Amino acid sequence: MSEISSAVRMNHAKEAVNKKEAFEIRRMNDKLETEIKTVQEKNSKEVNQIKKDYEVQMNTVKNDSEVKLTKVRNSWNKKIQEENSRYEKLLADLKATQADKLSSTQSNNEQQIANQELKHKEYLEKARQKFEEEKAKLEA
């Protein structure tokens, strides 16, 4: 019977060791789960903070870029307006110069036409006088 009782004791001891090990494993699993949850929460918080920091940084960069873009646009708009006004002035000056040249050329052309007409009239008058002289000679 001693063998049975020692076998029973051994079984009880094994069960006790198994229960103790199972309890230790559960306790370690619980501890591990809480550590994992803690690390996950910490990581989640860090990720959220990094996302917020990134968004803030992106908004700052975007706003700075918008300000710079607006300054550049205003600068170029001012330059474009200056160039447009310079162009308009230059165009008006060119038109005035062209008009002066045109009127001068027209005046010269009219004067040349008048001189040419005067020469033609003189030529025709001389030709008529010669004709009259020749006619008078022939009639006489």
N, C-alpha and C. Protein backbone atom coordinates (compact mmCIF):
# COMPACT_ATOMS: atom_id res chain seq x y z
N MET A 1 0.79 -1.16 0.00
CA MET A 1 0.00 0.00 0.00
C MET A 1 0.85 1.25 0.00
N SER A 2 1.99 1.07 0.47
CA SER A 2 2.89 2.21 0.50
C SER A 2 3.21 2.68 -0.91
N GLU A 3 3.21 1.74 -1.81
CA GLU A 3 3.46 2.16 -3.19
C GLU A 3 2.28 2.95 -3.72
N ILE A 4 1.09 2.56 -3.37
CA ILE A 4 -0.09 3.28 -3.83
C ILE A 4 -0.13 4.64 -3.18
N SER A 5 0.13 4.66 -1.89
CA SER A 5 0.09 5.95 -1.23
C SER A 5 1.21 6.85 -1.73
N SER A 6 2.36 6.28 -2.01
CA SER A 6 3.42 7.13 -2.54
C SER A 6 3.08 7.55 -3.95
N ALA A 7 2.39 6.70 -4.72
CA ALA A 7 1.96 7.08 -6.07
C ALA A 7 0.90 8.16 -5.97
N VAL A 8 0.00 8.04 -4.99
CA VAL A 8 -1.05 9.04 -4.81
C VAL A 8 -0.41 10.36 -4.38
N ARG A 9 0.54 10.24 -3.47
CA ARG A 9 1.24 11.46 -3.02
C ARG A 9 1.99 12.11 -4.19
N MET A 10 2.57 11.26 -4.98
CA MET A 10 3.31 11.78 -6.12
C MET A 10 2.35 12.45 -7.11
N ASN A 11 1.20 11.83 -7.31
CA ASN A 11 0.19 12.43 -8.19
C ASN A 11 -0.29 13.75 -7.61
N HIS A 12 -0.53 13.74 -6.29
CA HIS A 12 -0.96 14.99 -5.65
C HIS A 12 0.13 16.05 -5.77
N ALA A 13 1.39 15.61 -5.62
CA ALA A 13 2.50 16.56 -5.73
C ALA A 13 2.59 17.07 -7.16
N LYS A 14 2.41 16.16 -8.14
CA LYS A 14 2.44 16.57 -9.55
C LYS A 14 1.31 17.55 -9.83
N GLU A 15 0.11 17.22 -9.31
CA GLU A 15 -1.03 18.12 -9.51
C GLU A 15 -0.77 19.46 -8.87
N ALA A 16 -0.20 19.43 -7.68
CA ALA A 16 0.10 20.68 -6.99
C ALA A 16 1.12 21.48 -7.80
N VAL A 17 2.14 20.80 -8.31
CA VAL A 17 3.15 21.48 -9.13
C VAL A 17 2.51 22.00 -10.41
N ASN A 18 1.65 21.17 -11.02
CA ASN A 18 0.96 21.59 -12.25
C ASN A 18 0.06 22.80 -11.99
N LYS A 19 -0.67 22.76 -10.87
CA LYS A 19 -1.54 23.90 -10.53
C LYS A 19 -0.69 25.14 -10.28
N LYS A 20 0.42 24.92 -9.54
CA LYS A 20 1.30 26.06 -9.26
C LYS A 20 1.87 26.63 -10.56
N GLU A 21 2.30 25.74 -11.46
CA GLU A 21 2.85 26.19 -12.74
C GLU A 21 1.77 26.86 -13.58
N ALA A 22 0.55 26.30 -13.58
CA ALA A 22 -0.55 26.89 -14.33
C ALA A 22 -0.86 28.28 -13.78
N PHE A 23 -0.87 28.37 -12.42
CA PHE A 23 -1.11 29.67 -11.79
C PHE A 23 -0.02 30.67 -12.18
N GLU A 24 1.24 30.21 -12.14
CA GLU A 24 2.36 31.08 -12.51
C GLU A 24 2.24 31.51 -13.98
N ILE A 25 1.88 30.57 -14.82
CA ILE A 25 1.73 30.89 -16.26
C ILE A 25 0.61 31.90 -16.46
N ARG A 26 -0.55 31.72 -15.77
CA ARG A 26 -1.66 32.68 -15.88
C ARG A 26 -1.21 34.05 -15.38
N ARG A 27 -0.51 34.02 -14.22
CA ARG A 27 -0.05 35.29 -13.65
C ARG A 27 0.92 35.98 -14.62
N MET A 28 1.83 35.20 -15.21
CA MET A 28 2.78 35.77 -16.16
C MET A 28 2.07 36.26 -17.43
N ASN A 29 1.06 35.49 -17.89
CA ASN A 29 0.27 35.91 -19.05
C ASN A 29 -0.47 37.22 -18.76
N ASP A 30 -1.08 37.28 -17.54
CA ASP A 30 -1.77 38.51 -17.16
C ASP A 30 -0.81 39.69 -17.11
N LYS A 31 0.35 39.44 -16.50
CA LYS A 31 1.36 40.49 -16.40
C LYS A 31 1.82 40.91 -17.80
N LEU A 32 2.04 39.92 -18.66
CA LEU A 32 2.47 40.19 -20.03
C LEU A 32 1.40 40.98 -20.79
N GLU A 33 0.14 40.59 -20.63
CA GLU A 33 -0.96 41.30 -21.29
C GLU A 33 -1.03 42.75 -20.84
N THR A 34 -0.90 42.96 -19.52
CA THR A 34 -0.94 44.35 -19.03
C THR A 34 0.25 45.14 -19.56
N GLU A 35 1.43 44.51 -19.63
CA GLU A 35 2.60 45.20 -20.19
C GLU A 35 2.38 45.52 -21.67
N ILE A 36 1.82 44.54 -22.39
CA ILE A 36 1.55 44.75 -23.82
C ILE A 36 0.55 45.88 -24.01
N LYS A 37 -0.51 45.88 -23.20
CA LYS A 37 -1.51 46.95 -23.31
C LYS A 37 -0.88 48.31 -22.98
N THR A 38 -0.04 48.32 -21.95
CA THR A 38 0.63 49.56 -21.56
C THR A 38 1.52 50.07 -22.70
N VAL A 39 2.29 49.17 -23.29
CA VAL A 39 3.17 49.54 -24.40
C VAL A 39 2.35 49.99 -25.61
N GLN A 40 1.24 49.26 -25.89
CA GLN A 40 0.39 49.65 -27.01
C GLN A 40 -0.21 51.03 -26.79
N GLU A 41 -0.70 51.29 -25.59
CA GLU A 41 -1.26 52.61 -25.29
C GLU A 41 -0.21 53.69 -25.41
N LYS A 42 0.99 53.40 -24.87
CA LYS A 42 2.09 54.36 -24.95
C LYS A 42 2.44 54.63 -26.42
N ASN A 43 2.56 53.55 -27.19
CA ASN A 43 2.87 53.71 -28.62
C ASN A 43 1.77 54.45 -29.35
N SER A 44 0.52 54.14 -29.03
CA SER A 44 -0.62 54.83 -29.65
C SER A 44 -0.57 56.33 -29.33
N LYS A 45 -0.29 56.65 -28.07
CA LYS A 45 -0.18 58.05 -27.67
C LYS A 45 0.96 58.74 -28.41
N GLU A 46 2.09 58.05 -28.53
CA GLU A 46 3.24 58.63 -29.23
C GLU A 46 2.91 58.84 -30.71
N VAL A 47 2.24 57.85 -31.32
CA VAL A 47 1.86 57.98 -32.73
C VAL A 47 0.90 59.16 -32.91
N ASN A 48 -0.08 59.27 -32.01
CA ASN A 48 -1.02 60.39 -32.09
C ASN A 48 -0.30 61.72 -31.93
N GLN A 49 0.64 61.78 -31.00
CA GLN A 49 1.40 63.02 -30.78
C GLN A 49 2.24 63.35 -32.02
N ILE A 50 2.86 62.32 -32.59
CA ILE A 50 3.67 62.54 -33.80
C ILE A 50 2.77 63.03 -34.94
N LYS A 51 1.57 62.43 -35.06
CA LYS A 51 0.63 62.87 -36.11
C LYS A 51 0.24 64.33 -35.90
N LYS A 52 -0.07 64.69 -34.65
CA LYS A 52 -0.44 66.08 -34.35
C LYS A 52 0.71 67.02 -34.64
N ASP A 53 1.92 66.64 -34.22
CA ASP A 53 3.09 67.47 -34.48
C ASP A 53 3.32 67.63 -35.99
N TYR A 54 3.14 66.52 -36.71
CA TYR A 54 3.30 66.56 -38.17
C TYR A 54 2.26 67.49 -38.80
N GLU A 55 1.01 67.37 -38.37
CA GLU A 55 -0.05 68.23 -38.90
C GLU A 55 0.23 69.69 -38.60
N VAL A 56 0.69 69.97 -37.38
CA VAL A 56 1.01 71.35 -37.01
C VAL A 56 2.16 71.86 -37.88
N GLN A 57 3.18 71.01 -38.04
CA GLN A 57 4.32 71.40 -38.86
C GLN A 57 3.89 71.61 -40.31
N MET A 58 3.06 70.73 -40.84
CA MET A 58 2.59 70.87 -42.22
C MET A 58 1.75 72.14 -42.38
N ASN A 59 0.89 72.42 -41.41
CA ASN A 59 0.09 73.64 -41.48
C ASN A 59 0.97 74.88 -41.43
N THR A 60 2.00 74.83 -40.59
CA THR A 60 2.92 75.95 -40.50
C THR A 60 3.65 76.15 -41.82
N VAL A 61 4.15 75.07 -42.38
CA VAL A 61 4.85 75.15 -43.66
C VAL A 61 3.89 75.64 -44.74
N LYS A 62 2.67 75.12 -44.74
CA LYS A 62 1.68 75.52 -45.74
C LYS A 62 1.37 77.00 -45.61
N ASN A 63 1.16 77.48 -44.39
CA ASN A 63 0.87 78.89 -44.18
C ASN A 63 2.04 79.77 -44.60
N ASP A 64 3.25 79.35 -44.23
CA ASP A 64 4.44 80.10 -44.64
C ASP A 64 4.55 80.15 -46.16
N SER A 65 4.28 79.02 -46.79
CA SER A 65 4.35 78.96 -48.25
C SER A 65 3.29 79.86 -48.88
N GLU A 66 2.09 79.85 -48.31
CA GLU A 66 1.02 80.72 -48.82
C GLU A 66 1.41 82.19 -48.70
N VAL A 67 2.01 82.55 -47.56
CA VAL A 67 2.44 83.94 -47.35
C VAL A 67 3.50 84.32 -48.39
N LYS A 68 4.48 83.43 -48.57
CA LYS A 68 5.54 83.69 -49.55
C LYS A 68 4.97 83.79 -50.96
N LEU A 69 4.05 82.88 -51.28
CA LEU A 69 3.43 82.89 -52.60
C LEU A 69 2.65 84.18 -52.82
N THR A 70 1.94 84.62 -51.81
CA THR A 70 1.19 85.87 -51.91
C THR A 70 2.13 87.05 -52.12
N LYS A 71 3.24 87.07 -51.38
CA LYS A 71 4.23 88.15 -51.55
C LYS A 71 4.79 88.15 -52.97
N VAL A 72 5.12 86.96 -53.45
CA VAL A 72 5.69 86.86 -54.81
C VAL A 72 4.65 87.31 -55.84
N ARG A 73 3.41 86.87 -55.66
CA ARG A 73 2.35 87.26 -56.61
C ARG A 73 2.16 88.77 -56.59
N ASN A 74 2.11 89.35 -55.39
CA ASN A 74 1.94 90.80 -55.29
C ASN A 74 3.11 91.52 -55.95
N SER A 75 4.31 91.02 -55.72
CA SER A 75 5.50 91.62 -56.32
C SER A 75 5.42 91.56 -57.84
N TRP A 76 5.07 90.39 -58.34
CA TRP A 76 4.99 90.24 -59.80
C TRP A 76 3.81 91.03 -60.37
N ASN A 77 2.70 91.09 -59.64
CA ASN A 77 1.57 91.89 -60.12
C ASN A 77 1.98 93.35 -60.21
N LYS A 78 2.75 93.83 -59.23
CA LYS A 78 3.23 95.21 -59.26
C LYS A 78 4.15 95.41 -60.46
N LYS A 79 5.06 94.47 -60.67
CA LYS A 79 5.97 94.58 -61.81
C LYS A 79 5.19 94.53 -63.13
N ILE A 80 4.20 93.67 -63.20
CA ILE A 80 3.38 93.57 -64.42
C ILE A 80 2.65 94.89 -64.67
N GLN A 81 2.10 95.49 -63.61
CA GLN A 81 1.42 96.77 -63.77
C GLN A 81 2.40 97.85 -64.24
N GLU A 82 3.61 97.86 -63.64
CA GLU A 82 4.61 98.83 -64.06
C GLU A 82 4.98 98.63 -65.53
N GLU A 83 5.16 97.37 -65.92
CA GLU A 83 5.50 97.10 -67.31
C GLU A 83 4.35 97.44 -68.25
N ASN A 84 3.11 97.18 -67.82
CA ASN A 84 1.96 97.54 -68.64
C ASN A 84 1.87 99.05 -68.82
N SER A 85 2.10 99.80 -67.74
CA SER A 85 2.03 101.25 -67.86
C SER A 85 3.19 101.75 -68.74
N ARG A 86 4.38 101.14 -68.59
CA ARG A 86 5.52 101.52 -69.44
C ARG A 86 5.21 101.20 -70.90
N TYR A 87 4.59 100.04 -71.12
CA TYR A 87 4.20 99.64 -72.48
C TYR A 87 3.19 100.62 -73.05
N GLU A 88 2.18 100.98 -72.25
CA GLU A 88 1.16 101.92 -72.73
C GLU A 88 1.80 103.27 -73.08
N LYS A 89 2.71 103.74 -72.24
CA LYS A 89 3.38 105.02 -72.50
C LYS A 89 4.22 104.91 -73.78
N LEU A 90 4.97 103.82 -73.89
CA LEU A 90 5.81 103.62 -75.06
C LEU A 90 4.95 103.53 -76.32
N LEU A 91 3.83 102.81 -76.22
CA LEU A 91 2.93 102.69 -77.35
C LEU A 91 2.34 104.04 -77.74
N ALA A 92 1.95 104.84 -76.74
CA ALA A 92 1.41 106.18 -77.02
C ALA A 92 2.47 107.04 -77.68
N ASP A 93 3.72 106.97 -77.18
CA ASP A 93 4.81 107.74 -77.78
C ASP A 93 5.05 107.31 -79.23
N LEU A 94 5.04 105.99 -79.45
CA LEU A 94 5.24 105.49 -80.81
C LEU A 94 4.12 105.93 -81.75
N LYS A 95 2.89 105.89 -81.24
CA LYS A 95 1.75 106.34 -82.06
C LYS A 95 1.88 107.81 -82.39
N ALA A 96 2.28 108.61 -81.38
CA ALA A 96 2.45 110.05 -81.62
C ALA A 96 3.56 110.29 -82.63
N THR A 97 4.67 109.58 -82.48
CA THR A 97 5.78 109.72 -83.42
C THR A 97 5.35 109.30 -84.82
N GLN A 98 4.62 108.19 -84.89
CA GLN A 98 4.13 107.71 -86.18
C GLN A 98 3.19 108.72 -86.81
N ALA A 99 2.32 109.28 -85.99
CA ALA A 99 1.38 110.29 -86.51
C ALA A 99 2.14 111.51 -87.01
N ASP A 100 3.17 111.94 -86.26
CA ASP A 100 3.98 113.08 -86.71
C ASP A 100 4.68 112.76 -88.02
N LYS A 101 5.27 111.57 -88.11
CA LYS A 101 5.95 111.18 -89.35
C LYS A 101 4.96 111.12 -90.51
N LEU A 102 3.77 110.57 -90.23
CA LEU A 102 2.75 110.46 -91.27
C LEU A 102 2.31 111.83 -91.74
N SER A 103 2.06 112.74 -90.81
CA SER A 103 1.62 114.08 -91.22
C SER A 103 2.74 114.80 -91.96
N SER A 104 3.98 114.60 -91.52
CA SER A 104 5.12 115.21 -92.22
C SER A 104 5.24 114.65 -93.63
N THR A 105 5.10 113.33 -93.74
CA THR A 105 5.17 112.70 -95.06
C THR A 105 4.02 113.16 -95.94
N GLN A 106 2.82 113.25 -95.38
CA GLN A 106 1.67 113.74 -96.16
C GLN A 106 1.89 115.18 -96.61
N SER A 107 2.42 116.00 -95.71
CA SER A 107 2.70 117.39 -96.06
C SER A 107 3.72 117.47 -97.18
N ASN A 108 4.78 116.68 -97.07
CA ASN A 108 5.80 116.65 -98.13
C ASN A 108 5.21 116.16 -99.44
N ASN A 109 4.38 115.10 -99.36
CA ASN A 109 3.75 114.58 -100.58
C ASN A 109 2.83 115.62 -101.21
N GLU A 110 2.04 116.29 -100.39
CA GLU A 110 1.15 117.33 -100.93
C GLU A 110 1.95 118.46 -101.57
N GLN A 111 3.07 118.82 -100.94
CA GLN A 111 3.92 119.88 -101.48
C GLN A 111 4.54 119.43 -102.81
N GLN A 112 5.00 118.17 -102.85
CA GLN A 112 5.57 117.65 -104.09
C GLN A 112 4.51 117.58 -105.18
N ILE A 113 3.29 117.15 -104.79
CA ILE A 113 2.20 117.10 -105.78
C ILE A 113 1.89 118.50 -106.31
N ALA A 114 1.85 119.47 -105.38
CA ALA A 114 1.58 120.84 -105.80
C ALA A 114 2.69 121.33 -106.72
N ASN A 115 3.95 121.05 -106.38
CA ASN A 115 5.07 121.45 -107.26
C ASN A 115 4.97 120.77 -108.62
N GLN A 116 4.64 119.45 -108.59
CA GLN A 116 4.52 118.71 -109.84
C GLN A 116 3.38 119.28 -110.69
N GLU A 117 2.23 119.60 -110.06
CA GLU A 117 1.10 120.18 -110.80
C GLU A 117 1.50 121.53 -111.40
N LEU A 118 2.24 122.32 -110.62
CA LEU A 118 2.70 123.62 -111.11
C LEU A 118 3.62 123.43 -112.31
N LYS A 119 4.54 122.47 -112.24
CA LYS A 119 5.43 122.19 -113.37
C LYS A 119 4.63 121.74 -114.59
N HIS A 120 3.61 120.88 -114.36
CA HIS A 120 2.76 120.41 -115.47
C HIS A 120 2.02 121.58 -116.10
N LYS A 121 1.49 122.46 -115.25
CA LYS A 121 0.75 123.62 -115.79
C LYS A 121 1.69 124.52 -116.60
N GLU A 122 2.89 124.72 -116.07
CA GLU A 122 3.87 125.54 -116.81
C GLU A 122 4.23 124.89 -118.13
N TYR A 123 4.46 123.56 -118.10
CA TYR A 123 4.79 122.84 -119.31
C TYR A 123 3.65 122.95 -120.33
N LEU A 124 2.40 122.73 -119.82
CA LEU A 124 1.24 122.82 -120.72
C LEU A 124 1.09 124.24 -121.27
N GLU A 125 1.36 125.22 -120.41
CA GLU A 125 1.25 126.62 -120.87
C GLU A 125 2.30 126.90 -121.94
N LYS A 126 3.54 126.43 -121.75
CA LYS A 126 4.59 126.61 -122.76
C LYS A 126 4.23 125.89 -124.04
N ALA A 127 3.70 124.64 -123.88
CA ALA A 127 3.30 123.87 -125.05
C ALA A 127 2.18 124.57 -125.78
N ARG A 128 1.21 125.16 -125.05
CA ARG A 128 0.11 125.88 -125.68
C ARG A 128 0.63 127.12 -126.41
N GLN A 129 1.58 127.81 -125.75
CA GLN A 129 2.15 129.02 -126.38
C GLN A 129 2.88 128.65 -127.67
N LYS A 130 3.66 127.56 -127.65
CA LYS A 130 4.36 127.12 -128.86
C LYS A 130 3.36 126.76 -129.93
N PHE A 131 2.29 126.06 -129.51
CA PHE A 131 1.24 125.70 -130.45
C PHE A 131 0.62 126.94 -131.08
N GLU A 132 0.36 127.94 -130.23
CA GLU A 132 -0.24 129.19 -130.74
C GLU A 132 0.72 129.88 -131.69
N GLU A 133 2.01 129.89 -131.32
CA GLU A 133 3.02 130.53 -132.21
C GLU A 133 3.09 129.80 -133.52
N GLU A 134 3.12 128.49 -133.47
CA GLU A 134 3.20 127.71 -134.71
C GLU A 134 1.94 127.87 -135.53
N LYS A 135 0.83 127.95 -134.87
CA LYS A 135 -0.46 128.14 -135.54
C LYS A 135 -0.49 129.50 -136.22
N ALA A 136 0.03 130.49 -135.47
CA ALA A 136 0.05 131.85 -136.03
C ALA A 136 0.99 131.89 -137.24
N LYS A 137 2.11 131.19 -137.18
CA LYS A 137 3.03 131.16 -138.31
C LYS A 137 2.39 130.50 -139.50
N LEU A 138 1.66 129.45 -139.27
CA LEU A 138 1.02 128.72 -140.35
C LEU A 138 -0.12 129.51 -140.95
N GLU A 139 -0.79 130.28 -140.16
CA GLU A 139 -1.91 131.07 -140.66
C GLU A 139 -1.40 132.29 -141.38
N ALA A 140 -0.23 132.75 -141.06
CA ALA A 140 0.27 133.97 -141.69
C ALA A 140 0.92 133.72 -142.99
